[in-house]
């Protein structure tokens, strides 16, 4: 598997993509994924709310979660770390440091965001997983990982507050600020 993983990283580095697209390794191979304005705006608004709601923490995005498991390193859209844990020269974050991860749904990622990624994040012991569905204007918060599955699920429409437990505090996100496609 290491050879395949190295090859994928080589290909991703060698291909020059427009900023409006990303290349993803999926079960179907390499997939070119368009980046919508709703996705970009929602990720930006989540990051802004993280930094406003968690003093001393820094919003993170565009990173890989390590160590790889079954050849897979998730790349969540957002999370947060205490400022002293940020490593400016790194693009990977150890799973044990992440209090939560956020995925913003796109047409291409919808199935994985709801069916595959929860198991991956729960098996890593990440305390909370937030799915922000800009297609349906809904959010789903999964918490309490145990035995590779999240034990608690809360879901609602954009407009409601989302409360995510983070260390010894609660991050409150205002989902009315999220953009729908």
Protein backbone atom coordinates (compact mmCIF):
# COMPACT_ATOMS: atom_id res chain seq x y z
CA UNK A 1 0.00 0.00 0.00
CA UNK A 2 2.89 2.39 0.65
CA UNK A 3 3.86 2.37 -3.01
CA UNK A 4 0.30 3.28 -4.04
CA UNK A 5 0.12 6.02 -1.38
CA UNK A 6 3.43 7.49 -2.53
CA UNK A 7 2.27 7.39 -6.15
CA UNK A 8 -0.98 9.21 -5.35
CA UNK A 9 0.90 11.95 -3.48
CA UNK A 10 3.33 12.25 -6.41
CA UNK A 11 0.48 12.58 -8.91
CA UNK A 12 -1.36 15.12 -6.77
CA UNK A 13 1.80 17.23 -6.47
CA UNK A 14 2.57 16.98 -10.20
CA UNK A 15 -0.87 18.00 -11.49
CA UNK A 16 -1.58 21.71 -11.54
CA UNK A 17 -5.25 22.28 -10.77
CA UNK A 18 -7.26 25.48 -10.83
CA UNK A 19 -8.15 26.85 -7.39
CA UNK A 20 -11.78 26.03 -8.16
CA UNK A 21 -11.08 22.26 -8.06
CA UNK A 22 -9.44 19.64 -5.86
CA UNK A 23 -8.15 16.17 -6.63
CA UNK A 24 -9.38 13.45 -4.26
CA UNK A 25 -8.47 9.78 -3.95
CA UNK A 26 -11.75 7.87 -3.62
CA UNK A 27 -12.80 4.26 -3.98
CA UNK A 28 -13.26 5.01 -7.68
CA UNK A 29 -9.71 6.34 -8.13
CA UNK A 30 -8.63 9.95 -8.51
CA UNK A 31 -11.61 12.28 -8.77
CA UNK A 32 -11.61 15.95 -9.77
CA UNK A 33 -13.93 17.77 -7.38
CA UNK A 34 -15.30 21.25 -8.12
CA UNK A 35 -15.17 23.70 -5.20
CA UNK A 36 -18.41 25.67 -4.91
CA UNK A 37 -18.80 29.15 -3.47
CA UNK A 38 -21.16 27.75 -0.81
CA UNK A 39 -18.39 25.37 0.29
CA UNK A 40 -15.72 28.10 0.45
CA UNK A 41 -17.97 30.60 2.24
CA UNK A 42 -19.20 28.04 4.78
CA UNK A 43 -15.70 26.77 5.61
CA UNK A 44 -14.51 30.38 6.05
CA UNK A 45 -17.46 31.22 8.32
CA UNK A 46 -16.89 28.11 10.43
CA UNK A 47 -13.19 29.00 10.84
CA UNK A 48 -14.09 32.55 11.85
CA UNK A 49 -16.60 31.30 14.44
CA UNK A 50 -14.08 28.80 15.83
CA UNK A 51 -11.53 31.53 16.48
CA UNK A 52 -14.15 33.90 17.94
CA UNK A 53 -15.69 31.18 20.13
CA UNK A 54 -12.53 29.48 21.40
CA UNK A 55 -10.08 32.07 22.71
CA UNK A 56 -6.51 30.77 22.53
CA UNK A 57 -7.41 28.23 19.83
CA UNK A 58 -6.65 28.41 16.12
CA UNK A 59 -8.94 27.15 13.35
CA UNK A 60 -7.24 24.67 11.05
CA UNK A 61 -8.05 23.36 7.61
CA UNK A 62 -6.36 21.82 4.56
CA UNK A 63 -4.52 19.19 6.64
CA UNK A 64 -4.22 15.40 6.76
CA UNK A 65 -5.06 13.39 9.87
CA UNK A 66 -2.30 10.95 10.79
CA UNK A 67 -1.37 8.19 11.27
CA UNK A 68 -2.80 6.65 8.10
CA UNK A 69 -5.27 3.84 8.77
CA UNK A 70 -5.96 1.28 6.07
CA UNK A 71 -3.99 3.55 3.73
CA UNK A 72 -6.31 6.50 4.39
CA UNK A 73 -5.49 9.93 5.82
CA UNK A 74 -8.70 11.98 6.16
CA UNK A 75 -8.54 15.64 5.15
CA UNK A 76 -11.26 17.41 7.15
CA UNK A 77 -12.42 20.84 6.08
CA UNK A 78 -11.97 22.37 9.54
CA UNK A 79 -10.98 21.74 13.12
CA UNK A 80 -9.15 23.61 15.88
CA UNK A 81 -6.06 23.30 18.01
CA UNK A 82 -4.77 25.27 20.99
CA UNK A 83 -2.43 27.94 19.63
CA UNK A 84 0.62 26.33 21.26
CA UNK A 85 0.03 23.08 19.33
CA UNK A 86 0.03 24.70 15.88
CA UNK A 87 3.05 23.66 13.78
CA UNK A 88 3.28 26.19 10.91
CA UNK A 89 5.60 24.01 8.82
CA UNK A 90 3.41 20.89 9.00
CA UNK A 91 0.42 19.80 6.91
CA UNK A 92 -0.50 16.82 9.09
CA UNK A 93 -2.12 16.69 12.53
CA UNK A 94 -2.08 13.68 14.84
CA UNK A 95 -5.58 12.32 15.46
CA UNK A 96 -5.06 12.44 19.24
CA UNK A 97 -4.88 16.26 19.14
CA UNK A 98 -8.21 16.85 17.38
CA UNK A 99 -11.22 17.70 19.57
CA UNK A 100 -13.56 17.66 16.55
CA UNK A 101 -13.53 17.66 12.75
CA UNK A 102 -15.89 19.32 10.27
CA UNK A 103 -16.81 18.19 6.77
CA UNK A 104 -18.77 20.44 4.43
CA UNK A 105 -20.79 18.30 2.02
CA UNK A 106 -20.45 18.61 -1.73
CA UNK A 107 -22.35 16.59 -4.36
CA UNK A 108 -19.24 14.46 -4.91
CA UNK A 109 -18.53 13.82 -1.20
CA UNK A 110 -22.06 13.38 0.19
CA UNK A 111 -22.02 9.59 0.43
CA UNK A 112 -18.56 9.48 2.07
CA UNK A 113 -19.33 12.35 4.47
CA UNK A 114 -22.39 10.52 5.83
CA UNK A 115 -21.43 6.85 5.54
CA UNK A 116 -17.65 6.31 5.43
CA UNK A 117 -16.09 9.21 7.28
CA UNK A 118 -18.03 8.82 10.55
CA UNK A 119 -16.51 5.35 11.01
CA UNK A 120 -13.02 6.60 10.16
CA UNK A 121 -13.23 9.51 12.62
CA UNK A 122 -14.86 7.46 15.39
CA UNK A 123 -12.25 4.69 15.08
CA UNK A 124 -9.58 7.38 15.53
CA UNK A 125 -11.28 8.49 18.77
CA UNK A 126 -12.01 12.02 17.54
CA UNK A 127 -14.60 13.23 20.09
CA UNK A 128 -16.95 15.02 17.66
CA UNK A 129 -17.67 15.00 13.93
CA UNK A 130 -19.80 17.77 12.39
CA UNK A 131 -21.31 17.30 8.94
CA UNK A 132 -22.46 20.57 7.36
CA UNK A 133 -24.70 19.77 4.40
CA UNK A 134 -24.86 22.87 2.16
CA UNK A 135 -26.99 20.86 -0.30
CA UNK A 136 -29.84 20.23 2.17
CA UNK A 137 -29.22 23.19 4.55
CA UNK A 138 -28.83 20.77 7.49
CA UNK A 139 -26.12 19.88 9.97
CA UNK A 140 -25.44 16.67 11.87
CA UNK A 141 -23.23 16.44 14.95
CA UNK A 142 -21.90 13.02 15.96
CA UNK A 143 -20.28 12.63 19.39
CA UNK A 144 -19.17 10.02 21.95
CA UNK A 145 -17.05 7.63 19.87
CA UNK A 146 -16.89 4.05 21.14
CA UNK A 147 -15.97 0.81 19.39
CA UNK A 148 -15.49 2.59 16.06
CA UNK A 149 -18.90 4.28 16.03
CA UNK A 150 -20.37 7.52 17.32
CA UNK A 151 -22.96 6.83 20.01
CA UNK A 152 -24.82 10.17 19.92
CA UNK A 153 -26.34 12.00 16.95
CA UNK A 154 -27.95 15.43 16.81
CA UNK A 155 -29.25 17.03 13.61
CA UNK A 156 -31.11 20.16 12.62
CA UNK A 157 -31.58 22.77 9.92
CA UNK A 158 -29.42 25.80 9.18
CA UNK A 159 -30.44 28.56 11.57
CA UNK A 160 -30.01 26.59 14.79
CA UNK A 161 -27.06 26.78 17.16
CA UNK A 162 -24.59 23.89 17.21
CA UNK A 163 -22.86 23.15 20.51
CA UNK A 164 -19.63 21.17 20.21
CA UNK A 165 -17.80 20.05 23.34
CA UNK A 166 -14.14 21.11 23.10
CA UNK A 167 -11.82 20.23 25.98
CA UNK A 168 -13.34 21.94 29.05
CA UNK A 169 -15.54 24.36 27.09
CA UNK A 170 -18.28 24.44 24.46
CA UNK A 171 -17.90 25.87 20.98
CA UNK A 172 -21.18 27.33 19.73
CA UNK A 173 -21.54 27.70 15.97
CA UNK A 174 -24.33 29.79 14.42
CA UNK A 175 -25.50 27.70 11.48
CA UNK A 176 -27.59 30.59 10.13
CA UNK A 177 -24.24 31.88 8.83
CA UNK A 178 -23.72 28.79 6.62
CA UNK A 179 -24.47 29.14 2.92
CA UNK A 180 -26.75 26.78 1.01
CA UNK A 181 -26.36 25.77 -2.62
